[in-house]
Protein backbone atom coordinates (compact mmCIF):
# COMPACT_ATOMS: atom_id res chain seq x y z
CA MET A 1 -8.45 -11.46 -17.51
CA SER A 2 -5.16 -12.76 -16.18
CA SER A 3 -1.89 -12.19 -18.00
CA PRO A 4 -0.61 -15.11 -20.07
CA ASP A 5 2.31 -17.13 -18.78
CA ALA A 6 5.52 -17.18 -20.81
CA SER A 7 4.72 -20.76 -21.84
CA ASP A 8 1.45 -19.63 -23.47
CA ILE A 9 3.03 -17.22 -25.95
CA PRO A 10 5.56 -17.56 -28.76
CA SER A 11 9.22 -17.50 -27.80
CA PRO A 12 10.86 -14.14 -28.57
CA ALA A 13 12.43 -14.11 -32.00
CA PRO A 14 16.23 -14.20 -32.16
CA LEU A 15 18.36 -12.08 -34.39
CA PRO A 16 18.45 -13.10 -38.07
CA ALA A 17 19.32 -16.74 -38.70
CA GLY A 18 23.03 -17.42 -38.59
CA GLN A 19 23.81 -13.99 -37.22
CA THR A 20 23.20 -14.33 -33.50
CA THR A 21 26.89 -14.21 -32.68
CA THR A 22 28.62 -12.91 -35.80
CA ARG A 23 26.89 -10.28 -37.91
CA ASP A 24 28.10 -8.38 -40.93
CA ASP A 25 28.50 -4.63 -40.91
CA ALA A 26 25.16 -3.99 -42.63
CA VAL A 27 23.21 -5.86 -39.95
CA ASP A 28 25.08 -4.00 -37.22
CA ARG A 29 24.23 -0.66 -38.80
CA ILE A 30 20.58 -1.58 -39.31
CA LEU A 31 20.24 -2.78 -35.73
CA ASP A 32 22.03 0.30 -34.38
CA ALA A 33 19.61 2.52 -36.30
CA ALA A 34 16.61 0.46 -35.19
CA TYR A 35 17.70 0.52 -31.55
CA GLU A 36 18.04 4.28 -31.54
CA LEU A 37 14.83 5.03 -33.44
CA PHE A 38 12.49 2.40 -31.98
CA SER A 39 13.55 3.02 -28.39
CA ARG A 40 13.06 6.77 -28.81
CA ARG A 41 10.08 7.10 -31.13
CA GLY A 42 8.20 3.83 -30.91
CA ILE A 43 7.33 1.48 -33.76
CA ARG A 44 4.65 3.08 -35.93
CA ALA A 45 6.36 6.48 -36.02
CA VAL A 46 9.48 5.00 -37.65
CA GLY A 47 9.32 4.13 -41.33
CA ILE A 48 11.45 1.79 -43.40
CA ASP A 49 12.87 4.71 -45.38
CA GLN A 50 14.07 6.35 -42.14
CA LEU A 51 15.73 3.13 -41.04
CA ILE A 52 17.46 2.70 -44.39
CA GLU A 53 18.63 6.32 -44.43
CA ARG A 54 19.89 6.19 -40.84
CA SER A 55 21.72 2.88 -41.32
CA GLY A 56 23.20 3.90 -44.68
CA VAL A 57 22.48 0.58 -46.40
CA ALA A 58 20.86 -0.11 -49.74
CA LYS A 59 17.17 -1.03 -49.74
CA ALA A 60 17.96 -4.45 -51.20
CA THR A 61 20.49 -5.07 -48.44
CA PHE A 62 17.96 -4.06 -45.79
CA TYR A 63 15.28 -6.43 -47.08
CA ARG A 64 17.77 -9.25 -47.54
CA HIS A 65 18.40 -9.25 -43.80
CA PHE A 66 14.97 -8.12 -42.61
CA PRO A 67 12.15 -9.04 -45.03
CA SER A 68 9.62 -7.03 -43.02
CA LYS A 69 9.56 -4.25 -40.45
CA ASP A 70 8.18 -6.71 -37.88
CA ASP A 71 11.25 -8.91 -38.38
CA LEU A 72 13.45 -5.95 -37.52
CA VAL A 73 11.35 -5.03 -34.48
CA LEU A 74 11.66 -8.60 -33.18
CA ALA A 75 15.42 -8.38 -33.61
CA PHE A 76 15.40 -5.02 -31.82
CA LEU A 77 13.49 -6.54 -28.90
CA ALA A 78 16.01 -9.39 -28.69
CA LEU A 79 18.86 -6.88 -28.64
CA ARG A 80 17.04 -4.78 -26.08
CA ASP A 81 16.66 -7.82 -23.83
CA GLN A 82 20.42 -8.42 -23.93
CA ILE A 83 21.53 -4.80 -23.52
CA TRP A 84 18.87 -3.59 -21.08
CA THR A 85 17.57 -6.57 -19.11
CA VAL A 86 20.67 -8.76 -18.90
CA ASP A 87 23.63 -6.38 -19.14
CA LEU A 88 22.23 -3.21 -17.53
CA ILE A 89 19.65 -4.31 -14.97
CA ILE A 90 20.33 -7.89 -13.87
CA SER A 91 24.12 -8.04 -14.21
CA ASP A 92 24.64 -4.62 -12.63
CA ALA A 93 22.28 -5.40 -9.74
CA LYS A 94 24.04 -8.71 -9.08
CA SER A 95 27.38 -6.94 -8.95
CA ARG A 96 26.11 -4.49 -6.32
CA GLY A 97 24.83 -7.01 -3.79
CA ASN A 98 26.44 -9.74 -1.71
CA THR A 99 23.23 -11.65 -0.96
CA PRO A 100 20.16 -12.45 -3.09
CA GLU A 101 18.09 -9.94 -1.10
CA GLU A 102 20.69 -7.22 -1.59
CA ARG A 103 20.77 -8.01 -5.31
CA LEU A 104 16.99 -7.73 -5.51
CA LEU A 105 17.02 -4.33 -3.82
CA ALA A 106 19.96 -3.23 -5.96
CA ILE A 107 17.68 -3.41 -9.00
CA PHE A 108 16.20 -0.12 -7.82
CA ASP A 109 19.66 1.37 -7.26
CA VAL A 110 20.39 0.56 -10.90
CA PHE A 111 17.03 2.07 -11.85
CA GLY A 112 17.88 5.24 -9.92
CA ASP A 113 21.08 5.68 -11.93
CA TRP A 114 19.24 4.87 -15.17
CA PHE A 115 16.40 7.31 -14.45
CA ARG A 116 18.92 10.15 -14.05
CA ARG A 117 20.58 9.52 -17.40
CA GLU A 118 19.93 12.03 -20.17
CA ASP A 119 19.20 9.15 -22.54
CA PHE A 120 16.58 7.54 -20.25
CA GLU A 121 14.06 6.05 -22.67
CA ALA A 122 11.74 4.00 -20.40
CA CYS A 123 11.00 0.34 -21.08
CA SER A 124 10.71 -0.62 -24.74
CA PHE A 125 8.81 -3.81 -23.90
CA ILE A 126 6.09 -1.83 -22.13
CA ASN A 127 6.09 0.79 -24.88
CA VAL A 128 5.75 -1.73 -27.70
CA LEU A 129 3.07 -3.68 -25.83
CA LEU A 130 0.98 -0.55 -25.26
CA GLU A 131 1.52 0.68 -28.79
CA MET A 132 0.82 -2.56 -30.65
CA GLY A 133 -1.56 -4.34 -28.27
CA ARG A 134 -1.31 -7.73 -26.58
CA GLU A 135 -2.74 -9.68 -29.54
CA HIS A 136 -0.25 -8.34 -32.10
CA PRO A 137 2.84 -10.53 -32.65
CA LEU A 138 5.05 -7.70 -31.43
CA GLY A 139 2.87 -7.27 -28.36
CA LYS A 140 3.12 -10.99 -27.66
CA ALA A 141 6.89 -10.86 -28.01
CA SER A 142 7.00 -7.93 -25.58
CA ILE A 143 4.91 -9.91 -23.08
CA ALA A 144 7.39 -12.77 -23.42
CA TYR A 145 10.32 -10.50 -22.65
CA LEU A 146 8.52 -9.03 -19.66
CA ALA A 147 7.95 -12.58 -18.44
CA ARG A 148 11.69 -13.21 -18.79
CA ILE A 149 12.35 -10.26 -16.48
CA ARG A 150 10.01 -11.78 -13.92
CA GLY A 151 11.91 -15.02 -14.32
CA HIS A 152 15.16 -13.32 -13.34
CA VAL A 153 13.47 -11.84 -10.28
CA GLN A 154 11.95 -15.18 -9.33
CA GLU A 155 15.37 -16.85 -9.50
CA LEU A 156 16.76 -14.30 -7.04
CA ALA A 157 13.74 -14.79 -4.79
CA GLU A 158 14.30 -18.54 -4.79
CA GLU A 159 17.98 -18.03 -3.96
CA ALA A 160 16.87 -15.82 -1.06
CA GLY A 161 14.60 -18.57 0.26
CA LEU A 162 11.46 -16.46 -0.04
CA GLU A 163 7.98 -17.97 -0.11
CA ARG A 164 5.54 -17.94 -3.05
CA THR A 165 8.25 -16.80 -5.43
CA GLU A 166 6.08 -16.56 -8.55
CA GLU A 167 3.63 -14.31 -6.73
CA PHE A 168 6.60 -12.35 -5.35
CA ALA A 169 8.08 -11.87 -8.84
CA ARG A 170 4.78 -10.55 -10.19
CA SER A 171 4.41 -8.08 -7.31
CA TRP A 172 8.06 -7.04 -7.62
CA HIS A 173 7.61 -6.50 -11.35
CA ILE A 174 4.69 -4.17 -10.63
CA LEU A 175 7.11 -2.06 -8.55
CA MET A 176 9.65 -2.11 -11.37
CA LYS A 177 7.17 -1.13 -14.07
CA GLY A 178 5.46 1.44 -11.87
CA SER A 179 8.74 3.15 -11.03
CA ILE A 180 9.63 3.36 -14.72
CA ILE A 181 6.31 5.05 -15.51
CA SER A 182 6.70 7.41 -12.55
CA ALA A 183 10.24 8.32 -13.65
CA THR A 184 8.90 9.01 -17.15
CA GLU A 185 6.40 11.38 -15.54
CA GLY A 186 9.32 13.20 -13.92
CA ASP A 187 9.45 11.69 -10.42
CA ALA A 188 13.15 11.88 -9.57
CA LEU A 189 12.64 9.67 -6.49
CA ALA A 190 10.65 6.93 -8.21
CA ALA A 191 13.32 4.26 -7.75
CA LYS A 192 13.79 5.11 -4.06
CA ARG A 193 10.05 5.01 -3.40
CA ALA A 194 9.79 1.62 -5.11
CA GLN A 195 12.76 0.30 -3.16
CA GLU A 196 11.14 1.27 0.14
CA MET A 197 8.03 -0.74 -0.79
CA ALA A 198 10.26 -3.56 -2.00
CA VAL A 199 11.72 -3.96 1.50
CA TRP A 200 8.22 -4.63 2.82
CA LEU A 201 7.52 -7.06 -0.01
CA ILE A 202 10.61 -9.12 0.81
CA ASP A 203 9.59 -9.25 4.47
CA HIS A 204 6.06 -10.25 3.45
CA HIS A 205 7.39 -13.20 1.47
CA ARG A 206 9.66 -14.37 4.27
CA GLY A 207 6.48 -15.51 5.99
CA HIS A 208 6.59 -12.86 8.70
CA VAL A 209 3.24 -11.50 7.61
CA ARG A 210 0.27 -13.86 7.53
CA VAL A 211 -1.97 -13.68 4.47
CA PRO A 212 -5.61 -13.25 5.60
CA ALA A 213 -7.90 -16.18 4.78
CA ARG A 214 -10.36 -15.52 2.00
């Protein structure tokens, strides 16, 4: 079965209504606690009582902002997309390269730095998808965020003038996800190995390599 396109699944939920840009202190504390606990322990292993205790808010305050645990997880995923995908991976990679191809390859330089950090916590979108399943609303939201990552890659591929950019982005994303899993296993050179394969993939999508007829 093929993976659904981003257009086939619900759009990722934003932060609580009216609080996407300006949040009160309670929401900040709840989201800080959720980010730390969910990214480290997963979803099912973290209970509401732990989140309330860690954030230091009253139970009524917690439920006023997040009526259910799923609502909070969706907000966590939205925050993760901003902090991890946009600010850490994409923005940092773009700042390291002068051309679209250099920026694509720089993704794995950013990964290499990230993999060496003591707080390396792998990819929350992959973790939540595997934990909750693709049919669960949280799994569907995770799939949507993974599709957004592919979208960023496809934009860079289009800027680089590569061919078959959607196919390229899917193949490139396999390298990204595979390197994350390998780094989680303890492979210190996972990002470098992926980058070496990525060079070939770019060349392949320049049209230098003919695709055999089926």
